[in-house]
Amino acid sequence: MALLCHGVSAVDPWYLDHTTVPAGTVRGVRDDALPPDPFAGDPNDPVWALDANDSDASEPVSAQERDELLADLRDLAVYQALLEHRSVRGVVVDCAECQEPHYHDWALLRASLEQLLSDGRMRPHEPAYDPNPAAYVSWEYCRGYTDGITAAARKTAETSKK
């Protein structure tokens, strides 16, 4: 028997764990009172994907990957500085998995790269809401645009020295 408010007693429900617990503690529900796991024994259980992601989190990026990520972050800062004032909102990436374009604003892409650098993986994020595809360019476009600006600046510098 359990005491309810104002000293009224009632029989404990069958699904509660009847072990002694300190006052103020919520008692657990017995395992046999829970509904069966619909994915029990299923090798395609969606929870395995979560477990796989958690185990990957402990693996730091290699020194080479770290260097590449730092270079990408430096490049991203240059690309943003050159293209943002030209109304480019970010980078579009063609996803090999879903065959769909993914639109990343400058801040989101920087945050994703920094997270990959610190955690060794990127967590899922919300996709851009109703992006205007004309406002995003590919990484290759950014690189080519930067190379063009750099070449023009060198040519101007060489011309002014003569």
N, C-alpha and C. Protein backbone atom coordinates (compact mmCIF):
# COMPACT_ATOMS: atom_id res chain seq x y z
N MET A 1 0.84 -1.19 0.00
CA MET A 1 0.00 0.00 0.00
C MET A 1 0.88 1.25 0.00
N ALA A 2 0.45 2.21 -0.75
CA ALA A 2 1.15 3.49 -0.79
C ALA A 2 0.22 4.55 -0.25
N LEU A 3 0.80 5.55 0.34
CA LEU A 3 -0.01 6.64 0.85
C LEU A 3 -0.09 7.73 -0.19
N LEU A 4 -1.27 8.17 -0.46
CA LEU A 4 -1.46 9.28 -1.37
C LEU A 4 -1.68 10.53 -0.56
N CYS A 5 -2.08 11.59 -1.18
CA CYS A 5 -2.33 12.85 -0.49
C CYS A 5 -3.28 12.67 0.68
N HIS A 6 -3.03 13.38 1.71
CA HIS A 6 -3.88 13.44 2.90
C HIS A 6 -4.07 12.08 3.55
N GLY A 7 -3.08 11.22 3.46
CA GLY A 7 -3.12 9.95 4.16
C GLY A 7 -3.99 8.88 3.54
N VAL A 8 -4.54 9.12 2.35
CA VAL A 8 -5.37 8.13 1.69
C VAL A 8 -4.44 7.07 1.12
N SER A 9 -4.74 5.80 1.32
CA SER A 9 -3.89 4.74 0.82
C SER A 9 -4.47 4.14 -0.45
N ALA A 10 -3.58 3.63 -1.26
CA ALA A 10 -3.99 2.96 -2.49
C ALA A 10 -2.98 1.86 -2.78
N VAL A 11 -3.37 0.90 -3.55
CA VAL A 11 -2.47 -0.18 -3.94
C VAL A 11 -1.56 0.36 -5.04
N ASP A 12 -0.26 0.10 -4.89
CA ASP A 12 0.67 0.54 -5.92
C ASP A 12 0.32 -0.14 -7.24
N PRO A 13 0.35 0.60 -8.31
CA PRO A 13 0.09 -0.02 -9.61
C PRO A 13 1.12 -1.11 -9.91
N TRP A 14 0.72 -2.13 -10.65
CA TRP A 14 1.56 -3.27 -10.94
C TRP A 14 2.81 -2.91 -11.74
N TYR A 15 2.80 -1.80 -12.49
CA TYR A 15 3.91 -1.48 -13.37
C TYR A 15 5.06 -0.75 -12.67
N LEU A 16 4.87 -0.34 -11.41
CA LEU A 16 5.94 0.35 -10.71
C LEU A 16 6.94 -0.63 -10.12
N ASP A 17 8.17 -0.23 -10.09
CA ASP A 17 9.23 -1.02 -9.48
C ASP A 17 9.06 -0.89 -7.96
N HIS A 18 8.90 -2.02 -7.25
CA HIS A 18 8.59 -1.98 -5.83
C HIS A 18 9.81 -1.99 -4.93
N THR A 19 10.95 -1.56 -5.43
CA THR A 19 12.12 -1.47 -4.57
C THR A 19 12.01 -0.20 -3.72
N THR A 20 12.69 -0.19 -2.63
CA THR A 20 12.66 0.97 -1.74
C THR A 20 13.47 2.10 -2.36
N VAL A 21 12.86 3.25 -2.43
CA VAL A 21 13.53 4.42 -2.98
C VAL A 21 13.44 5.55 -1.96
N PRO A 22 14.44 6.42 -1.95
CA PRO A 22 14.39 7.55 -1.02
C PRO A 22 13.20 8.46 -1.32
N ALA A 23 12.74 9.15 -0.29
CA ALA A 23 11.62 10.08 -0.45
C ALA A 23 11.97 11.12 -1.50
N GLY A 24 11.01 11.48 -2.32
CA GLY A 24 11.23 12.48 -3.36
C GLY A 24 11.80 11.91 -4.65
N THR A 25 12.02 10.60 -4.72
CA THR A 25 12.57 9.98 -5.91
C THR A 25 11.44 9.34 -6.71
N VAL A 26 11.49 9.52 -7.98
CA VAL A 26 10.50 8.88 -8.85
C VAL A 26 10.93 7.44 -9.06
N ARG A 27 10.01 6.53 -8.83
CA ARG A 27 10.35 5.13 -9.02
C ARG A 27 10.29 4.77 -10.49
N GLY A 28 11.13 3.82 -10.88
CA GLY A 28 11.18 3.37 -12.26
C GLY A 28 10.03 2.46 -12.61
N VAL A 29 9.80 2.32 -13.88
CA VAL A 29 8.78 1.42 -14.40
C VAL A 29 9.48 0.11 -14.76
N ARG A 30 8.86 -1.02 -14.38
CA ARG A 30 9.45 -2.31 -14.68
C ARG A 30 9.56 -2.50 -16.19
N ASP A 31 10.60 -3.22 -16.61
CA ASP A 31 10.81 -3.46 -18.04
C ASP A 31 9.66 -4.20 -18.69
N ASP A 32 9.04 -5.13 -17.95
CA ASP A 32 7.96 -5.90 -18.55
C ASP A 32 6.68 -5.08 -18.70
N ALA A 33 6.64 -3.88 -18.17
CA ALA A 33 5.46 -3.02 -18.31
C ALA A 33 5.55 -2.14 -19.54
N LEU A 34 6.75 -2.04 -20.13
CA LEU A 34 6.93 -1.22 -21.32
C LEU A 34 6.47 -1.97 -22.56
N PRO A 35 6.03 -1.26 -23.57
CA PRO A 35 5.65 -1.94 -24.81
C PRO A 35 6.89 -2.55 -25.45
N PRO A 36 6.73 -3.60 -26.22
CA PRO A 36 7.90 -4.23 -26.84
C PRO A 36 8.55 -3.29 -27.85
N ASP A 37 9.85 -3.41 -27.99
CA ASP A 37 10.60 -2.62 -28.97
C ASP A 37 10.27 -3.14 -30.36
N PRO A 38 9.68 -2.31 -31.22
CA PRO A 38 9.30 -2.80 -32.55
C PRO A 38 10.50 -3.15 -33.43
N PHE A 39 11.69 -2.67 -33.05
CA PHE A 39 12.89 -2.95 -33.83
C PHE A 39 13.79 -3.99 -33.17
N ALA A 40 13.32 -4.64 -32.12
CA ALA A 40 14.15 -5.61 -31.40
C ALA A 40 14.65 -6.67 -32.37
N GLY A 41 15.97 -6.85 -32.41
CA GLY A 41 16.59 -7.85 -33.27
C GLY A 41 16.72 -7.45 -34.72
N ASP A 42 16.25 -6.27 -35.09
CA ASP A 42 16.31 -5.81 -36.47
C ASP A 42 17.68 -5.18 -36.74
N PRO A 43 18.46 -5.74 -37.70
CA PRO A 43 19.77 -5.15 -37.99
C PRO A 43 19.67 -3.74 -38.60
N ASN A 44 18.49 -3.37 -39.09
CA ASN A 44 18.30 -2.03 -39.66
C ASN A 44 17.64 -1.07 -38.67
N ASP A 45 17.74 -1.38 -37.39
CA ASP A 45 17.17 -0.54 -36.34
C ASP A 45 17.77 0.87 -36.47
N PRO A 46 16.94 1.92 -36.59
CA PRO A 46 17.45 3.27 -36.76
C PRO A 46 18.37 3.74 -35.63
N VAL A 47 18.24 3.15 -34.46
CA VAL A 47 19.08 3.58 -33.34
C VAL A 47 20.56 3.25 -33.59
N TRP A 48 20.83 2.27 -34.45
CA TRP A 48 22.23 1.93 -34.73
C TRP A 48 22.94 3.09 -35.39
N ALA A 49 22.24 3.87 -36.19
CA ALA A 49 22.85 5.04 -36.81
C ALA A 49 23.27 6.05 -35.75
N LEU A 50 22.46 6.20 -34.71
CA LEU A 50 22.82 7.11 -33.62
C LEU A 50 24.03 6.60 -32.86
N ASP A 51 24.06 5.30 -32.59
CA ASP A 51 25.20 4.72 -31.90
C ASP A 51 26.47 4.85 -32.73
N ALA A 52 26.36 4.65 -34.04
CA ALA A 52 27.53 4.77 -34.91
C ALA A 52 28.07 6.19 -34.88
N ASN A 53 27.18 7.18 -34.89
CA ASN A 53 27.63 8.57 -34.83
C ASN A 53 28.32 8.87 -33.52
N ASP A 54 27.80 8.33 -32.43
CA ASP A 54 28.41 8.60 -31.13
C ASP A 54 29.80 7.99 -31.04
N SER A 55 29.99 6.81 -31.62
CA SER A 55 31.30 6.17 -31.55
C SER A 55 32.31 6.92 -32.41
N ASP A 56 31.85 7.54 -33.50
CA ASP A 56 32.76 8.30 -34.36
C ASP A 56 33.23 9.57 -33.68
N ALA A 57 32.46 10.08 -32.74
CA ALA A 57 32.79 11.36 -32.11
C ALA A 57 34.12 11.31 -31.37
N SER A 58 34.52 10.14 -30.92
CA SER A 58 35.75 10.05 -30.14
C SER A 58 36.99 10.03 -31.03
N GLU A 59 36.82 9.86 -32.35
CA GLU A 59 37.96 9.82 -33.25
C GLU A 59 38.31 11.23 -33.71
N PRO A 60 39.46 11.74 -33.29
CA PRO A 60 39.84 13.08 -33.73
C PRO A 60 40.29 13.05 -35.20
N VAL A 61 40.28 14.21 -35.83
CA VAL A 61 40.74 14.27 -37.21
C VAL A 61 42.25 14.09 -37.24
N SER A 62 42.75 13.55 -38.34
CA SER A 62 44.18 13.35 -38.48
C SER A 62 44.87 14.70 -38.69
N ALA A 63 46.17 14.71 -38.60
CA ALA A 63 46.92 15.96 -38.79
C ALA A 63 46.71 16.50 -40.20
N GLN A 64 46.67 15.61 -41.19
CA GLN A 64 46.45 16.04 -42.57
C GLN A 64 45.05 16.60 -42.74
N GLU A 65 44.04 15.93 -42.18
CA GLU A 65 42.67 16.43 -42.25
C GLU A 65 42.54 17.78 -41.55
N ARG A 66 43.23 17.91 -40.41
CA ARG A 66 43.20 19.18 -39.67
C ARG A 66 43.77 20.31 -40.52
N ASP A 67 44.91 20.04 -41.17
CA ASP A 67 45.52 21.05 -42.04
C ASP A 67 44.58 21.44 -43.19
N GLU A 68 43.91 20.43 -43.78
CA GLU A 68 42.98 20.69 -44.87
C GLU A 68 41.78 21.50 -44.40
N LEU A 69 41.27 21.18 -43.21
CA LEU A 69 40.13 21.93 -42.68
C LEU A 69 40.52 23.38 -42.37
N LEU A 70 41.71 23.57 -41.80
CA LEU A 70 42.17 24.93 -41.52
C LEU A 70 42.34 25.72 -42.82
N ALA A 71 42.86 25.06 -43.87
CA ALA A 71 43.00 25.72 -45.17
C ALA A 71 41.62 26.07 -45.74
N ASP A 72 40.66 25.14 -45.59
CA ASP A 72 39.30 25.41 -46.06
C ASP A 72 38.68 26.59 -45.31
N LEU A 73 38.92 26.68 -44.01
CA LEU A 73 38.39 27.80 -43.23
C LEU A 73 39.01 29.12 -43.68
N ARG A 74 40.32 29.11 -43.96
CA ARG A 74 40.98 30.33 -44.46
C ARG A 74 40.41 30.71 -45.83
N ASP A 75 40.28 29.71 -46.71
CA ASP A 75 39.71 29.97 -48.03
C ASP A 75 38.30 30.51 -47.91
N LEU A 76 37.50 29.92 -47.03
CA LEU A 76 36.12 30.35 -46.85
C LEU A 76 36.05 31.82 -46.45
N ALA A 77 36.95 32.24 -45.56
CA ALA A 77 36.97 33.65 -45.14
C ALA A 77 37.27 34.57 -46.33
N VAL A 78 38.20 34.14 -47.19
CA VAL A 78 38.53 34.93 -48.38
C VAL A 78 37.34 34.97 -49.33
N TYR A 79 36.74 33.80 -49.57
CA TYR A 79 35.60 33.72 -50.49
C TYR A 79 34.46 34.61 -50.01
N GLN A 80 34.18 34.56 -48.73
CA GLN A 80 33.10 35.37 -48.18
C GLN A 80 33.43 36.86 -48.34
N ALA A 81 34.67 37.23 -48.05
CA ALA A 81 35.06 38.64 -48.16
C ALA A 81 34.93 39.14 -49.60
N LEU A 82 35.24 38.28 -50.56
CA LEU A 82 35.18 38.70 -51.96
C LEU A 82 33.77 38.65 -52.54
N LEU A 83 32.95 37.71 -52.09
CA LEU A 83 31.68 37.46 -52.76
C LEU A 83 30.44 37.94 -52.02
N GLU A 84 30.52 38.09 -50.72
CA GLU A 84 29.32 38.45 -49.96
C GLU A 84 28.78 39.81 -50.40
N HIS A 85 29.66 40.77 -50.63
CA HIS A 85 29.19 42.10 -51.04
C HIS A 85 28.64 42.09 -52.47
N ARG A 86 28.82 40.98 -53.18
CA ARG A 86 28.27 40.81 -54.53
C ARG A 86 26.96 40.01 -54.48
N SER A 87 26.36 39.95 -53.29
CA SER A 87 25.06 39.29 -53.04
C SER A 87 25.12 37.77 -53.10
N VAL A 88 26.30 37.20 -52.95
CA VAL A 88 26.41 35.74 -52.86
C VAL A 88 26.23 35.39 -51.39
N ARG A 89 25.25 34.54 -51.11
CA ARG A 89 24.91 34.19 -49.72
C ARG A 89 25.72 33.05 -49.15
N GLY A 90 26.31 32.23 -50.04
CA GLY A 90 27.07 31.08 -49.56
C GLY A 90 27.41 30.12 -50.67
N VAL A 91 27.61 28.86 -50.26
CA VAL A 91 28.11 27.83 -51.16
C VAL A 91 27.04 26.75 -51.34
N VAL A 92 26.90 26.27 -52.56
CA VAL A 92 26.02 25.14 -52.84
C VAL A 92 26.90 23.91 -53.06
N VAL A 93 26.49 22.80 -52.45
CA VAL A 93 27.23 21.54 -52.58
C VAL A 93 26.27 20.49 -53.12
N ASP A 94 26.69 19.79 -54.17
CA ASP A 94 25.88 18.69 -54.69
C ASP A 94 26.14 17.46 -53.83
N CYS A 95 25.10 16.98 -53.15
CA CYS A 95 25.22 15.86 -52.23
C CYS A 95 25.26 14.55 -53.01
N ALA A 96 26.30 13.77 -52.79
CA ALA A 96 26.44 12.48 -53.47
C ALA A 96 25.44 11.46 -52.95
N GLU A 97 25.01 11.60 -51.69
CA GLU A 97 24.09 10.64 -51.10
C GLU A 97 22.67 10.80 -51.61
N CYS A 98 22.15 12.03 -51.58
CA CYS A 98 20.74 12.25 -51.94
C CYS A 98 20.56 12.85 -53.33
N GLN A 99 21.67 13.17 -54.00
CA GLN A 99 21.63 13.75 -55.35
C GLN A 99 20.89 15.09 -55.39
N GLU A 100 20.87 15.80 -54.27
CA GLU A 100 20.21 17.10 -54.18
C GLU A 100 21.25 18.17 -53.84
N PRO A 101 21.05 19.40 -54.29
CA PRO A 101 21.96 20.48 -53.89
C PRO A 101 21.69 20.89 -52.44
N HIS A 102 22.74 21.14 -51.69
CA HIS A 102 22.63 21.61 -50.31
C HIS A 102 23.19 23.04 -50.28
N TYR A 103 22.39 23.96 -49.78
CA TYR A 103 22.76 25.37 -49.75
C TYR A 103 23.26 25.73 -48.35
N HIS A 104 24.49 26.23 -48.28
CA HIS A 104 25.11 26.58 -47.00
C HIS A 104 25.42 28.07 -46.99
N ASP A 105 24.80 28.79 -46.06
CA ASP A 105 25.18 30.18 -45.87
C ASP A 105 26.61 30.21 -45.33
N TRP A 106 27.26 31.36 -45.47
CA TRP A 106 28.66 31.46 -45.04
C TRP A 106 28.83 31.03 -43.58
N ALA A 107 27.98 31.53 -42.70
CA ALA A 107 28.13 31.23 -41.26
C ALA A 107 27.88 29.76 -40.98
N LEU A 108 26.90 29.18 -41.65
CA LEU A 108 26.61 27.76 -41.44
C LEU A 108 27.76 26.89 -41.91
N LEU A 109 28.33 27.19 -43.06
CA LEU A 109 29.44 26.40 -43.56
C LEU A 109 30.66 26.55 -42.65
N ARG A 110 30.91 27.76 -42.17
CA ARG A 110 32.04 27.97 -41.25
C ARG A 110 31.81 27.18 -39.96
N ALA A 111 30.60 27.23 -39.42
CA ALA A 111 30.29 26.50 -38.19
C ALA A 111 30.43 24.99 -38.41
N SER A 112 30.00 24.50 -39.56
CA SER A 112 30.11 23.06 -39.86
C SER A 112 31.57 22.63 -39.95
N LEU A 113 32.39 23.44 -40.62
CA LEU A 113 33.82 23.11 -40.73
C LEU A 113 34.51 23.17 -39.38
N GLU A 114 34.15 24.17 -38.57
CA GLU A 114 34.74 24.27 -37.23
C GLU A 114 34.32 23.09 -36.36
N GLN A 115 33.08 22.66 -36.51
CA GLN A 115 32.61 21.50 -35.74
C GLN A 115 33.32 20.23 -36.19
N LEU A 116 33.52 20.09 -37.48
CA LEU A 116 34.26 18.94 -38.00
C LEU A 116 35.69 18.96 -37.46
N LEU A 117 36.26 20.13 -37.37
CA LEU A 117 37.61 20.28 -36.85
C LEU A 117 37.69 19.91 -35.38
N SER A 118 36.71 20.34 -34.59
CA SER A 118 36.76 20.09 -33.14
C SER A 118 36.21 18.73 -32.74
N ASP A 119 35.13 18.27 -33.40
CA ASP A 119 34.47 17.03 -32.99
C ASP A 119 34.79 15.83 -33.88
N GLY A 120 35.36 16.08 -35.04
CA GLY A 120 35.64 14.99 -35.96
C GLY A 120 34.45 14.60 -36.81
N ARG A 121 33.35 15.32 -36.69
CA ARG A 121 32.16 15.06 -37.51
C ARG A 121 31.28 16.29 -37.51
N MET A 122 30.40 16.32 -38.51
CA MET A 122 29.43 17.41 -38.59
C MET A 122 28.08 16.86 -38.16
N ARG A 123 27.43 17.56 -37.31
CA ARG A 123 26.09 17.15 -36.89
C ARG A 123 25.09 17.59 -37.94
N PRO A 124 23.97 16.90 -38.00
CA PRO A 124 22.93 17.33 -38.95
C PRO A 124 22.45 18.74 -38.60
N HIS A 125 22.01 19.45 -39.59
CA HIS A 125 21.50 20.81 -39.39
C HIS A 125 20.29 21.00 -40.27
N GLU A 126 19.55 22.02 -39.97
CA GLU A 126 18.38 22.35 -40.78
C GLU A 126 18.85 22.87 -42.13
N PRO A 127 18.21 22.43 -43.19
CA PRO A 127 18.57 22.98 -44.50
C PRO A 127 18.14 24.44 -44.61
N ALA A 128 18.73 25.13 -45.56
CA ALA A 128 18.35 26.52 -45.80
C ALA A 128 16.87 26.56 -46.16
N TYR A 129 16.17 27.52 -45.62
CA TYR A 129 14.74 27.64 -45.90
C TYR A 129 14.54 28.40 -47.20
N ASP A 130 13.93 27.76 -48.16
CA ASP A 130 13.57 28.36 -49.43
C ASP A 130 14.72 29.18 -50.03
N PRO A 131 15.88 28.53 -50.25
CA PRO A 131 17.02 29.29 -50.77
C PRO A 131 16.81 29.72 -52.21
N ASN A 132 17.40 30.82 -52.56
CA ASN A 132 17.41 31.29 -53.94
C ASN A 132 18.69 30.72 -54.56
N PRO A 133 18.59 29.71 -55.44
CA PRO A 133 19.78 29.08 -56.00
C PRO A 133 20.74 30.06 -56.67
N ALA A 134 20.23 31.16 -57.20
CA ALA A 134 21.09 32.15 -57.86
C ALA A 134 22.00 32.87 -56.86
N ALA A 135 21.70 32.78 -55.57
CA ALA A 135 22.49 33.48 -54.55
C ALA A 135 23.60 32.59 -53.98
N TYR A 136 23.76 31.39 -54.51
CA TYR A 136 24.79 30.46 -54.01
C TYR A 136 25.68 30.02 -55.16
N VAL A 137 26.94 29.83 -54.88
CA VAL A 137 27.90 29.39 -55.89
C VAL A 137 28.64 28.16 -55.38
N SER A 138 29.26 27.44 -56.28
CA SER A 138 30.01 26.24 -55.90
C SER A 138 31.37 26.63 -55.31
N TRP A 139 31.97 25.70 -54.62
CA TRP A 139 33.32 25.91 -54.05
C TRP A 139 34.29 26.18 -55.20
N GLU A 140 34.12 25.47 -56.31
CA GLU A 140 35.00 25.64 -57.47
C GLU A 140 34.86 27.05 -58.05
N TYR A 141 33.63 27.57 -58.08
CA TYR A 141 33.42 28.93 -58.55
C TYR A 141 34.17 29.90 -57.63
N CYS A 142 34.04 29.70 -56.33
CA CYS A 142 34.74 30.57 -55.37
C CYS A 142 36.24 30.55 -55.63
N ARG A 143 36.78 29.36 -55.82
CA ARG A 143 38.22 29.22 -56.06
C ARG A 143 38.61 29.93 -57.36
N GLY A 144 37.84 29.71 -58.42
CA GLY A 144 38.14 30.35 -59.70
C GLY A 144 38.02 31.87 -59.63
N TYR A 145 37.01 32.35 -58.95
CA TYR A 145 36.82 33.79 -58.80
C TYR A 145 38.00 34.40 -58.04
N THR A 146 38.41 33.73 -56.97
CA THR A 146 39.54 34.20 -56.17
C THR A 146 40.82 34.17 -56.99
N ASP A 147 41.03 33.11 -57.75
CA ASP A 147 42.21 33.03 -58.61
C ASP A 147 42.21 34.17 -59.63
N GLY A 148 41.04 34.47 -60.20
CA GLY A 148 40.94 35.56 -61.16
C GLY A 148 41.25 36.91 -60.54
N ILE A 149 40.72 37.15 -59.35
CA ILE A 149 40.98 38.41 -58.65
C ILE A 149 42.47 38.52 -58.31
N THR A 150 43.05 37.42 -57.85
CA THR A 150 44.47 37.41 -57.50
C THR A 150 45.34 37.66 -58.73
N ALA A 151 45.02 37.00 -59.85
CA ALA A 151 45.79 37.20 -61.08
C ALA A 151 45.68 38.63 -61.57
N ALA A 152 44.49 39.20 -61.51
CA ALA A 152 44.29 40.60 -61.94
C ALA A 152 45.08 41.55 -61.04
N ALA A 153 45.09 41.26 -59.73
CA ALA A 153 45.83 42.12 -58.80
C ALA A 153 47.33 42.02 -59.07
N ARG A 154 47.84 40.82 -59.35
CA ARG A 154 49.28 40.67 -59.68
C ARG A 154 49.63 41.41 -60.97
N LYS A 155 48.76 41.29 -61.96
CA LYS A 155 49.02 41.94 -63.24
C LYS A 155 49.03 43.46 -63.06
N THR A 156 48.11 43.96 -62.27
CA THR A 156 48.06 45.40 -61.99
C THR A 156 49.31 45.83 -61.24
N ALA A 157 49.75 45.02 -60.27
CA ALA A 157 50.96 45.35 -59.52
C ALA A 157 52.18 45.34 -60.40
N GLU A 158 52.28 44.36 -61.31
CA GLU A 158 53.42 44.30 -62.23
C GLU A 158 53.42 45.46 -63.20
N THR A 159 52.25 45.81 -63.67
CA THR A 159 52.12 46.92 -64.62
C THR A 159 52.50 48.24 -63.95
N SER A 160 52.13 48.40 -62.70
CA SER A 160 52.42 49.66 -62.01
C SER A 160 53.90 49.79 -61.65
N LYS A 161 54.64 48.67 -61.59
CA LYS A 161 56.08 48.70 -61.29
C LYS A 161 56.90 49.12 -62.50
N LYS A 162 56.35 48.95 -63.69
CA LYS A 162 57.10 49.25 -64.91
C LYS A 162 57.15 50.69 -65.23
